[in-house]
PDB file of N, CA and C in Angstrom:
ATOM      1  N   UNK A   1     137.653 112.156  82.809  1.00  0.00           N
ATOM      2  CA  UNK A   1     136.915 111.206  81.962  1.00  0.00           C
ATOM      3  C   UNK A   1     136.310 110.108  82.778  1.00  0.00           C
ATOM      4  N   UNK A   2     135.058 109.846  82.675  1.00  0.00           N
ATOM      5  CA  UNK A   2     134.413 108.791  83.381  1.00  0.00           C
ATOM      6  C   UNK A   2     134.472 107.529  82.624  1.00  0.00           C
ATOM      7  N   UNK A   3     134.746 106.411  83.299  1.00  0.00           N
ATOM      8  CA  UNK A   3     134.783 105.127  82.685  1.00  0.00           C
ATOM      9  C   UNK A   3     133.561 104.250  83.065  1.00  0.00           C
ATOM     10  N   UNK A   4     132.576 104.890  83.618  1.00  0.00           N
ATOM     11  CA  UNK A   4     131.339 104.218  83.937  1.00  0.00           C
ATOM     12  C   UNK A   4     130.095 105.129  83.701  1.00  0.00           C
ATOM     13  N   UNK A   5     129.024 104.559  83.581  1.00  0.00           N
ATOM     14  CA  UNK A   5     127.767 105.320  83.405  1.00  0.00           C
ATOM     15  C   UNK A   5     127.409 106.168  84.573  1.00  0.00           C
ATOM     16  N   UNK A   6     127.137 107.440  84.498  1.00  0.00           N
ATOM     17  CA  UNK A   6     126.902 108.285  85.601  1.00  0.00           C
ATOM     18  C   UNK A   6     125.708 107.802  86.444  1.00  0.00           C
ATOM     19  N   UNK A   7     124.801 107.035  85.787  1.00  0.00           N
ATOM     20  CA  UNK A   7     123.632 106.578  86.527  1.00  0.00           C
ATOM     21  C   UNK A   7     123.772 105.212  87.232  1.00  0.00           C
ATOM     22  N   UNK A   8     124.991 104.755  87.336  1.00  0.00           N
ATOM     23  CA  UNK A   8     125.172 103.428  87.932  1.00  0.00           C
ATOM     24  C   UNK A   8     124.697 103.458  89.378  1.00  0.00           C
ATOM     25  N   UNK A   9     125.047 104.500  90.099  1.00  0.00           N
ATOM     26  CA  UNK A   9     124.550 104.577  91.558  1.00  0.00           C
ATOM     27  C   UNK A   9     123.053 104.614  91.601  1.00  0.00           C
ATOM     28  N   UNK A  10     122.410 105.341  90.757  1.00  0.00           N
ATOM     29  CA  UNK A  10     120.970 105.424  90.764  1.00  0.00           C
ATOM     30  C   UNK A  10     120.281 104.131  90.584  1.00  0.00           C
ATOM     31  N   UNK A  11     120.936 103.209  89.799  1.00  0.00           N
ATOM     32  CA  UNK A  11     120.420 101.900  89.580  1.00  0.00           C
ATOM     33  C   UNK A  11     120.445 101.051  90.837  1.00  0.00           C
ATOM     34  N   UNK A  12     121.359 101.424  91.768  1.00  0.00           N
ATOM     35  CA  UNK A  12     121.332 100.729  93.045  1.00  0.00           C
ATOM     36  C   UNK A  12     120.412 101.437  94.088  1.00  0.00           C
ATOM     37  N   UNK A  13     120.388 102.710  94.085  1.00  0.00           N
ATOM     38  CA  UNK A  13     119.617 103.460  95.066  1.00  0.00           C
ATOM     39  C   UNK A  13     118.067 103.180  94.902  1.00  0.00           C
ATOM     40  N   UNK A  14     117.615 103.184  93.616  1.00  0.00           N
ATOM     41  CA  UNK A  14     116.197 103.035  93.381  1.00  0.00           C
ATOM     42  C   UNK A  14     115.569 101.730  94.008  1.00  0.00           C
ATOM     43  N   UNK A  15     116.098 100.581  93.727  1.00  0.00           N
ATOM     44  CA  UNK A  15     115.459  99.375  94.334  1.00  0.00           C
ATOM     45  C   UNK A  15     115.659  99.312  95.810  1.00  0.00           C
ATOM     46  N   UNK A  16     116.835  99.812  96.296  1.00  0.00           N
ATOM     47  CA  UNK A  16     117.000  99.711  97.752  1.00  0.00           C
ATOM     48  C   UNK A  16     116.170 100.689  98.537  1.00  0.00           C
ATOM     49  N   UNK A  17     115.936 101.890  97.954  1.00  0.00           N
ATOM     50  CA  UNK A  17     115.044 102.858  98.584  1.00  0.00           C
ATOM     51  C   UNK A  17     113.647 102.358  98.662  1.00  0.00           C
ATOM     52  N   UNK A  18     113.205 101.706  97.564  1.00  0.00           N
ATOM     53  CA  UNK A  18     111.860 101.101  97.549  1.00  0.00           C
ATOM     54  C   UNK A  18     111.749  99.988  98.620  1.00  0.00           C
ATOM     55  N   UNK A  19     112.730  99.223  98.716  1.00  0.00           N
ATOM     56  CA  UNK A  19     112.762  98.194  99.715  1.00  0.00           C
ATOM     57  C   UNK A  19     112.674  98.734 101.117  1.00  0.00           C
ATOM     58  N   UNK A  20     113.419  99.842 101.376  1.00  0.00           N
ATOM     59  CA  UNK A  20     113.529 100.498 102.715  1.00  0.00           C
ATOM     60  C   UNK A  20     112.150 101.109 103.008  1.00  0.00           C
ATOM     61  N   UNK A  21     111.398 101.600 102.059  1.00  0.00           N
ATOM     62  CA  UNK A  21     109.981 102.136 102.266  1.00  0.00           C
ATOM     63  C   UNK A  21     109.158 101.002 102.845  1.00  0.00           C
ATOM     64  N   UNK A  22     109.282  99.763 102.194  1.00  0.00           N
ATOM     65  CA  UNK A  22     108.549  98.651 102.667  1.00  0.00           C
ATOM     66  C   UNK A  22     108.936  98.228 104.104  1.00  0.00           C
ATOM     67  N   UNK A  23     110.207  98.296 104.463  1.00  0.00           N
ATOM     68  CA  UNK A  23     110.740  97.971 105.775  1.00  0.00           C
ATOM     69  C   UNK A  23     110.149  98.963 106.790  1.00  0.00           C
ATOM     70  N   UNK A  24     110.140 100.171 106.394  1.00  0.00           N
ATOM     71  CA  UNK A  24     109.537 101.271 107.330  1.00  0.00           C
ATOM     72  C   UNK A  24     108.046 100.922 107.572  1.00  0.00           C
ATOM     73  N   UNK A  25     107.308 100.616 106.529  1.00  0.00           N
ATOM     74  CA  UNK A  25     105.922 100.302 106.691  1.00  0.00           C
ATOM     75  C   UNK A  25     105.712  99.119 107.606  1.00  0.00           C
ATOM     76  N   UNK A  26     106.509  98.071 107.405  1.00  0.00           N
ATOM     77  CA  UNK A  26     106.375  96.858 108.184  1.00  0.00           C
ATOM     78  C   UNK A  26     106.652  97.154 109.670  1.00  0.00           C
ATOM     79  N   UNK A  27     107.784  97.909 109.927  1.00  0.00           N
ATOM     80  CA  UNK A  27     108.052  98.221 111.324  1.00  0.00           C
ATOM     81  C   UNK A  27     106.941  99.207 111.976  1.00  0.00           C
ATOM     82  N   UNK A  28     106.395 100.054 111.138  1.00  0.00           N
ATOM     83  CA  UNK A  28     105.238 100.890 111.602  1.00  0.00           C
ATOM     84  C   UNK A  28     104.113 100.052 112.076  1.00  0.00           C
ATOM     85  N   UNK A  29     103.825  98.929 111.287  1.00  0.00           N
ATOM     86  CA  UNK A  29     102.675  98.094 111.621  1.00  0.00           C
ATOM     87  C   UNK A  29     103.052  97.277 112.895  1.00  0.00           C
ATOM     88  N   UNK A  30     104.283  96.965 113.063  1.00  0.00           N
ATOM     89  CA  UNK A  30     104.633  96.245 114.376  1.00  0.00           C
ATOM     90  C   UNK A  30     104.496  97.195 115.557  1.00  0.00           C
ATOM     91  N   UNK A  31     104.921  98.404 115.374  1.00  0.00           N
ATOM     92  CA  UNK A  31     104.845  99.394 116.513  1.00  0.00           C
ATOM     93  C   UNK A  31     103.381  99.630 116.796  1.00  0.00           C
ATOM     94  N   UNK A  32     102.549  99.725 115.761  1.00  0.00           N
ATOM     95  CA  UNK A  32     101.089  99.957 116.017  1.00  0.00           C
ATOM     96  C   UNK A  32     100.407  98.788 116.736  1.00  0.00           C
ATOM     97  N   UNK A  33     100.970  97.615 116.646  1.00  0.00           N
ATOM     98  CA  UNK A  33     100.377  96.454 117.356  1.00  0.00           C
ATOM     99  C   UNK A  33     100.766  96.365 118.689  1.00  0.00           C
ATOM    100  N   UNK A  34     101.770  97.078 119.146  1.00  0.00           N
ATOM    101  CA  UNK A  34     102.241  97.180 120.524  1.00  0.00           C
ATOM    102  C   UNK A  34     101.445  98.027 121.413  1.00  0.00           C
ATOM    103  N   UNK A  35     101.614  98.053 122.757  1.00  0.00           N
ATOM    104  CA  UNK A  35     100.956  98.971 123.597  1.00  0.00           C
ATOM    105  C   UNK A  35     101.381 100.339 123.249  1.00  0.00           C
ATOM    106  N   UNK A  36     100.368 101.240 123.398  1.00  0.00           N
ATOM    107  CA  UNK A  36     100.608 102.666 122.998  1.00  0.00           C
ATOM    108  C   UNK A  36     101.343 103.349 124.138  1.00  0.00           C
ATOM    109  N   UNK A  37     102.151 104.265 123.712  1.00  0.00           N
ATOM    110  CA  UNK A  37     102.991 105.071 124.681  1.00  0.00           C
ATOM    111  C   UNK A  37     103.663 106.149 123.881  1.00  0.00           C
ATOM    112  N   UNK A  38     104.307 107.020 124.581  1.00  0.00           N
ATOM    113  CA  UNK A  38     105.022 108.144 123.897  1.00  0.00           C
ATOM    114  C   UNK A  38     106.123 107.695 123.072  1.00  0.00           C
ATOM    115  N   UNK A  39     106.892 106.708 123.513  1.00  0.00           N
ATOM    116  CA  UNK A  39     108.061 106.263 122.751  1.00  0.00           C
ATOM    117  C   UNK A  39     107.515 105.602 121.410  1.00  0.00           C
ATOM    118  N   UNK A  40     106.540 104.755 121.544  1.00  0.00           N
ATOM    119  CA  UNK A  40     105.980 104.112 120.322  1.00  0.00           C
ATOM    120  C   UNK A  40     105.411 105.153 119.368  1.00  0.00           C
ATOM    121  N   UNK A  41     104.782 106.188 119.956  1.00  0.00           N
ATOM    122  CA  UNK A  41     104.200 107.206 119.138  1.00  0.00           C
ATOM    123  C   UNK A  41     105.334 107.993 118.295  1.00  0.00           C
ATOM    124  N   UNK A  42     106.415 108.262 119.023  1.00  0.00           N
ATOM    125  CA  UNK A  42     107.566 108.930 118.435  1.00  0.00           C
ATOM    126  C   UNK A  42     108.267 108.118 117.386  1.00  0.00           C
ATOM    127  N   UNK A  43     108.426 106.778 117.716  1.00  0.00           N
ATOM    128  CA  UNK A  43     108.990 105.881 116.709  1.00  0.00           C
ATOM    129  C   UNK A  43     108.129 105.762 115.509  1.00  0.00           C
ATOM    130  N   UNK A  44     106.858 105.710 115.704  1.00  0.00           N
ATOM    131  CA  UNK A  44     105.850 105.578 114.528  1.00  0.00           C
ATOM    132  C   UNK A  44     106.001 106.795 113.606  1.00  0.00           C
ATOM    133  N   UNK A  45     106.044 107.936 114.275  1.00  0.00           N
ATOM    134  CA  UNK A  45     106.175 109.209 113.419  1.00  0.00           C
ATOM    135  C   UNK A  45     107.553 109.353 112.734  1.00  0.00           C
ATOM    136  N   UNK A  46     108.653 108.918 113.505  1.00  0.00           N
ATOM    137  CA  UNK A  46     109.972 109.020 112.970  1.00  0.00           C
ATOM    138  C   UNK A  46     110.123 108.034 111.740  1.00  0.00           C
ATOM    139  N   UNK A  47     109.499 106.888 111.838  1.00  0.00           N
ATOM    140  CA  UNK A  47     109.527 105.942 110.703  1.00  0.00           C
ATOM    141  C   UNK A  47     108.755 106.426 109.548  1.00  0.00           C
ATOM    142  N   UNK A  48     107.685 107.152 109.833  1.00  0.00           N
ATOM    143  CA  UNK A  48     106.952 107.722 108.638  1.00  0.00           C
ATOM    144  C   UNK A  48     107.729 108.741 107.906  1.00  0.00           C
ATOM    145  N   UNK A  49     108.453 109.544 108.680  1.00  0.00           N
ATOM    146  CA  UNK A  49     109.306 110.553 108.042  1.00  0.00           C
ATOM    147  C   UNK A  49     110.478 109.913 107.303  1.00  0.00           C
ATOM    148  N   UNK A  50     111.023 108.844 107.920  1.00  0.00           N
ATOM    149  CA  UNK A  50     112.050 107.991 107.322  1.00  0.00           C
ATOM    150  C   UNK A  50     111.620 107.437 105.978  1.00  0.00           C
ATOM    151  N   UNK A  51     110.365 106.941 105.995  1.00  0.00           N
ATOM    152  CA  UNK A  51     109.791 106.343 104.733  1.00  0.00           C
ATOM    153  C   UNK A  51     109.662 107.393 103.701  1.00  0.00           C
ATOM    154  N   UNK A  52     109.319 108.610 104.125  1.00  0.00           N
ATOM    155  CA  UNK A  52     109.242 109.763 103.190  1.00  0.00           C
ATOM    156  C   UNK A  52     110.677 110.048 102.561  1.00  0.00           C
ATOM    157  N   UNK A  53     111.723 109.978 103.390  1.00  0.00           N
ATOM    158  CA  UNK A  53     113.008 110.220 102.887  1.00  0.00           C
ATOM    159  C   UNK A  53     113.474 109.211 101.862  1.00  0.00           C
ATOM    160  N   UNK A  54     113.112 107.948 102.160  1.00  0.00           N
ATOM    161  CA  UNK A  54     113.461 106.876 101.157  1.00  0.00           C
ATOM    162  C   UNK A  54     112.673 107.016  99.908  1.00  0.00           C
ATOM    163  N   UNK A  55     111.405 107.470  99.962  1.00  0.00           N
ATOM    164  CA  UNK A  55     110.649 107.700  98.791  1.00  0.00           C
ATOM    165  C   UNK A  55     111.177 108.856  97.972  1.00  0.00           C
ATOM    166  N   UNK A  56     111.582 109.906  98.655  1.00  0.00           N
ATOM    167  CA  UNK A  56     112.174 111.043  97.880  1.00  0.00           C
ATOM    168  C   UNK A  56     113.506 110.558  97.188  1.00  0.00           C
ATOM    169  N   UNK A  57     114.257 109.815  97.885  1.00  0.00           N
ATOM    170  CA  UNK A  57     115.508 109.229  97.328  1.00  0.00           C
ATOM    171  C   UNK A  57     115.221 108.390  96.063  1.00  0.00           C
ATOM    172  N   UNK A  58     114.200 107.571  96.180  1.00  0.00           N
ATOM    173  CA  UNK A  58     113.778 106.717  95.030  1.00  0.00           C
ATOM    174  C   UNK A  58     113.316 107.636  93.855  1.00  0.00           C
ATOM    175  N   UNK A  59     112.555 108.606  94.161  1.00  0.00           N
ATOM    176  CA  UNK A  59     112.133 109.541  93.048  1.00  0.00           C
ATOM    177  C   UNK A  59     113.228 110.184  92.430  1.00  0.00           C
ATOM    178  N   UNK A  60     114.224 110.711  93.199  1.00  0.00           N
ATOM    179  CA  UNK A  60     115.418 111.385  92.616  1.00  0.00           C
ATOM    180  C   UNK A  60     116.204 110.469  91.814  1.00  0.00           C
ATOM    181  N   UNK A  61     116.406 109.213  92.274  1.00  0.00           N
ATOM    182  CA  UNK A  61     117.246 108.325  91.526  1.00  0.00           C
ATOM    183  C   UNK A  61     116.515 107.899  90.268  1.00  0.00           C
ATOM    184  N   UNK A  62     115.290 107.700  90.289  1.00  0.00           N
ATOM    185  CA  UNK A  62     114.481 107.394  89.060  1.00  0.00           C
ATOM    186  C   UNK A  62     114.581 108.531  88.071  1.00  0.00           C
ATOM    187  N   UNK A  63     114.421 109.795  88.554  1.00  0.00           N
ATOM    188  CA  UNK A  63     114.587 110.944  87.699  1.00  0.00           C
ATOM    189  C   UNK A  63     115.966 111.017  87.030  1.00  0.00           C
ATOM    190  N   UNK A  64     116.946 110.725  87.809  1.00  0.00           N
ATOM    191  CA  UNK A  64     118.339 110.661  87.363  1.00  0.00           C
ATOM    192  C   UNK A  64     118.522 109.616  86.186  1.00  0.00           C
ATOM    193  N   UNK A  65     117.876 108.517  86.301  1.00  0.00           N
ATOM    194  CA  UNK A  65     117.971 107.442  85.314  1.00  0.00           C
ATOM    195  C   UNK A  65     117.206 107.918  84.034  1.00  0.00           C
ATOM    196  N   UNK A  66     116.005 108.569  84.186  1.00  0.00           N
ATOM    197  CA  UNK A  66     115.229 108.964  83.063  1.00  0.00           C
ATOM    198  C   UNK A  66     115.704 110.111  82.289  1.00  0.00           C
ATOM    199  N   UNK A  67     116.505 110.965  82.863  1.00  0.00           N
ATOM    200  CA  UNK A  67     117.000 112.161  82.161  1.00  0.00           C
ATOM    201  C   UNK A  67     117.989 111.673  81.070  1.00  0.00           C
ATOM    202  N   UNK A  68     117.849 112.308  79.895  1.00  0.00           N
ATOM    203  CA  UNK A  68     118.751 111.941  78.830  1.00  0.00           C
ATOM    204  C   UNK A  68     120.187 112.150  79.209  1.00  0.00           C
ATOM    205  N   UNK A  69     121.127 111.197  79.219  1.00  0.00           N
ATOM    206  CA  UNK A  69     122.459 111.419  79.654  1.00  0.00           C
ATOM    207  C   UNK A  69     123.328 112.241  78.592  1.00  0.00           C
ATOM    208  N   UNK A  70     122.926 112.422  77.456  1.00  0.00           N
ATOM    209  CA  UNK A  70     123.609 113.070  76.437  1.00  0.00           C
ATOM    210  C   UNK A  70     123.396 114.637  76.661  1.00  0.00           C
ATOM    211  N   UNK A  71     122.166 115.089  76.894  1.00  0.00           N
ATOM    212  CA  UNK A  71     121.889 116.482  76.933  1.00  0.00           C
ATOM    213  C   UNK A  71     122.058 117.036  78.325  1.00  0.00           C
ATOM    214  N   UNK A  72     121.674 116.263  79.377  1.00  0.00           N
ATOM    215  CA  UNK A  72     121.570 116.731  80.712  1.00  0.00           C
ATOM    216  C   UNK A  72     122.393 116.001  81.732  1.00  0.00           C
ATOM    217  N   UNK A  73     123.589 115.648  81.318  1.00  0.00           N
ATOM    218  CA  UNK A  73     124.496 114.778  82.218  1.00  0.00           C
ATOM    219  C   UNK A  73     124.679 115.484  83.561  1.00  0.00           C
ATOM    220  N   UNK A  74     124.876 116.736  83.550  1.00  0.00           N
ATOM    221  CA  UNK A  74     125.158 117.485  84.815  1.00  0.00           C
ATOM    222  C   UNK A  74     123.996 117.499  85.799  1.00  0.00           C
ATOM    223  N   UNK A  75     122.761 117.705  85.201  1.00  0.00           N
ATOM    224  CA  UNK A  75     121.546 117.674  85.960  1.00  0.00           C
ATOM    225  C   UNK A  75     121.280 116.247  86.482  1.00  0.00           C
ATOM    226  N   UNK A  76     121.561 115.220  85.723  1.00  0.00           N
ATOM    227  CA  UNK A  76     121.337 113.903  86.083  1.00  0.00           C
ATOM    228  C   UNK A  76     122.365 113.519  87.270  1.00  0.00           C
ATOM    229  N   UNK A  77     123.580 113.968  87.222  1.00  0.00           N
ATOM    230  CA  UNK A  77     124.546 113.681  88.267  1.00  0.00           C
ATOM    231  C   UNK A  77     124.114 114.408  89.533  1.00  0.00           C
ATOM    232  N   UNK A  78     123.655 115.614  89.442  1.00  0.00           N
ATOM    233  CA  UNK A  78     123.144 116.399  90.572  1.00  0.00           C
ATOM    234  C   UNK A  78     121.989 115.712  91.216  1.00  0.00           C
ATOM    235  N   UNK A  79     121.085 115.169  90.429  1.00  0.00           N
ATOM    236  CA  UNK A  79     119.928 114.377  91.087  1.00  0.00           C
ATOM    237  C   UNK A  79     120.411 113.176  91.724  1.00  0.00           C
ATOM    238  N   UNK A  80     121.366 112.514  91.140  1.00  0.00           N
ATOM    239  CA  UNK A  80     121.910 111.228  91.714  1.00  0.00           C
ATOM    240  C   UNK A  80     122.584 111.558  93.044  1.00  0.00           C
ATOM    241  N   UNK A  81     123.333 112.686  93.094  1.00  0.00           N
ATOM    242  CA  UNK A  81     124.084 113.013  94.269  1.00  0.00           C
ATOM    243  C   UNK A  81     122.997 113.311  95.423  1.00  0.00           C
ATOM    244  N   UNK A  82     121.908 113.995  95.153  1.00  0.00           N
ATOM    245  CA  UNK A  82     120.919 114.301  96.182  1.00  0.00           C
ATOM    246  C   UNK A  82     120.225 112.986  96.532  1.00  0.00           C
ATOM    247  N   UNK A  83     119.966 112.045  95.662  1.00  0.00           N
ATOM    248  CA  UNK A  83     119.377 110.823  95.980  1.00  0.00           C
ATOM    249  C   UNK A  83     120.231 110.015  96.927  1.00  0.00           C
ATOM    250  N   UNK A  84     121.528 110.090  96.724  1.00  0.00           N
ATOM    251  CA  UNK A  84     122.531 109.373  97.559  1.00  0.00           C
ATOM    252  C   UNK A  84     122.573 110.015  98.974  1.00  0.00           C
ATOM    253  N   UNK A  85     122.564 111.321  99.040  1.00  0.00           N
ATOM    254  CA  UNK A  85     122.620 112.061 100.374  1.00  0.00           C
ATOM    255  C   UNK A  85     121.310 111.736 101.160  1.00  0.00           C
ATOM    256  N   UNK A  86     120.180 111.820 100.515  1.00  0.00           N
ATOM    257  CA  UNK A  86     118.946 111.605 101.246  1.00  0.00           C
ATOM    258  C   UNK A  86     118.821 110.054 101.578  1.00  0.00           C
ATOM    259  N   UNK A  87     119.312 109.155 100.781  1.00  0.00           N
ATOM    260  CA  UNK A  87     119.281 107.775 101.106  1.00  0.00           C
ATOM    261  C   UNK A  87     120.124 107.532 102.305  1.00  0.00           C
ATOM    262  N   UNK A  88     121.324 108.088 102.414  1.00  0.00           N
ATOM    263  CA  UNK A  88     122.248 107.927 103.506  1.00  0.00           C
ATOM    264  C   UNK A  88     121.633 108.489 104.715  1.00  0.00           C
ATOM    265  N   UNK A  89     120.953 109.668 104.616  1.00  0.00           N
ATOM    266  CA  UNK A  89     120.316 110.290 105.766  1.00  0.00           C
ATOM    267  C   UNK A  89     119.138 109.327 106.302  1.00  0.00           C
ATOM    268  N   UNK A  90     118.469 108.744 105.429  1.00  0.00           N
ATOM    269  CA  UNK A  90     117.383 107.712 105.773  1.00  0.00           C
ATOM    270  C   UNK A  90     118.011 106.531 106.476  1.00  0.00           C
ATOM    271  N   UNK A  91     119.133 106.041 105.980  1.00  0.00           N
ATOM    272  CA  UNK A  91     119.751 104.891 106.702  1.00  0.00           C
ATOM    273  C   UNK A  91     120.272 105.290 108.141  1.00  0.00           C
ATOM    274  N   UNK A  92     120.877 106.431 108.283  1.00  0.00           N
ATOM    275  CA  UNK A  92     121.263 106.873 109.580  1.00  0.00           C
ATOM    276  C   UNK A  92     120.113 107.065 110.488  1.00  0.00           C
ATOM    277  N   UNK A  93     119.008 107.691 110.029  1.00  0.00           N
ATOM    278  CA  UNK A  93     117.922 107.887 110.875  1.00  0.00           C
ATOM    279  C   UNK A  93     117.234 106.549 111.222  1.00  0.00           C
ATOM    280  N   UNK A  94     117.252 105.604 110.318  1.00  0.00           N
ATOM    281  CA  UNK A  94     116.643 104.319 110.600  1.00  0.00           C
ATOM    282  C   UNK A  94     117.420 103.566 111.662  1.00  0.00           C
ATOM    283  N   UNK A  95     118.793 103.687 111.588  1.00  0.00           N
ATOM    284  CA  UNK A  95     119.603 103.101 112.538  1.00  0.00           C
ATOM    285  C   UNK A  95     119.322 103.617 113.943  1.00  0.00           C
ATOM    286  N   UNK A  96     119.215 104.992 114.033  1.00  0.00           N
ATOM    287  CA  UNK A  96     118.861 105.576 115.320  1.00  0.00           C
ATOM    288  C   UNK A  96     117.482 105.136 115.856  1.00  0.00           C
ATOM    289  N   UNK A  97     116.602 105.084 114.988  1.00  0.00           N
ATOM    290  CA  UNK A  97     115.283 104.617 115.414  1.00  0.00           C
ATOM    291  C   UNK A  97     115.302 103.174 115.807  1.00  0.00           C
ATOM    292  N   UNK A  98     116.120 102.331 115.163  1.00  0.00           N
ATOM    293  CA  UNK A  98     116.202 100.970 115.539  1.00  0.00           C
ATOM    294  C   UNK A  98     116.833 100.771 116.923  1.00  0.00           C
ATOM    295  N   UNK A  99     117.860 101.676 117.224  1.00  0.00           N
ATOM    296  CA  UNK A  99     118.474 101.649 118.555  1.00  0.00           C
ATOM    297  C   UNK A  99     117.454 102.038 119.634  1.00  0.00           C
ATOM    298  N   UNK A 100     116.711 103.112 119.333  1.00  0.00           N
ATOM    299  CA  UNK A 100     115.654 103.515 120.345  1.00  0.00           C
ATOM    300  C   UNK A 100     114.600 102.426 120.542  1.00  0.00           C
ATOM    301  N   UNK A 101     114.214 101.798 119.400  1.00  0.00           N
ATOM    302  CA  UNK A 101     113.157 100.767 119.468  1.00  0.00           C
ATOM    303  C   UNK A 101     113.695  99.572 120.251  1.00  0.00           C
ATOM    304  N   UNK A 102     114.964  99.164 120.054  1.00  0.00           N
ATOM    305  CA  UNK A 102     115.447  97.984 120.691  1.00  0.00           C
ATOM    306  C   UNK A 102     115.622  98.203 122.189  1.00  0.00           C
ATOM    307  N   UNK A 103     116.106  99.399 122.518  1.00  0.00           N
ATOM    308  CA  UNK A 103     116.257  99.687 124.005  1.00  0.00           C
ATOM    309  C   UNK A 103     114.947  99.723 124.664  1.00  0.00           C
ATOM    310  N   UNK A 104     113.878 100.250 123.975  1.00  0.00           N
ATOM    311  CA  UNK A 104     112.526 100.355 124.605  1.00  0.00           C
ATOM    312  C   UNK A 104     111.893  99.048 124.762  1.00  0.00           C
ATOM    313  N   UNK A 105     112.150  98.118 123.904  1.00  0.00           N
ATOM    314  CA  UNK A 105     111.598  96.760 124.048  1.00  0.00           C
ATOM    315  C   UNK A 105     112.142  95.966 125.237  1.00  0.00           C
ATOM    316  N   UNK A 106     113.451  96.138 125.458  1.00  0.00           N
ATOM    317  CA  UNK A 106     114.061  95.519 126.585  1.00  0.00           C
ATOM    318  C   UNK A 106     113.593  96.094 127.886  1.00  0.00           C
TER     319      UNK A 106
END
């Protein structure tokens, strides 16, 4: 028996994923303003893919919230789980990109 709404996590993933898409876009614009090079090119493309991961996570969490919890609770939970996994994958990849970016700047 659950003592909380199954969409509680989705209510946190959705705004945070949208924020992270904005962060990715901001860092892409910073990278674009720097000298061009292979590392900057790779960081740019990696951030674009990371932005896509966060967007997919946001869409899955939104879908999880919009599905009727009475009829389709299992499907809603499944979408929420995928949103969580993709969000965490996006965070891990962004951390790796940040490490590469910071060492390249130094």
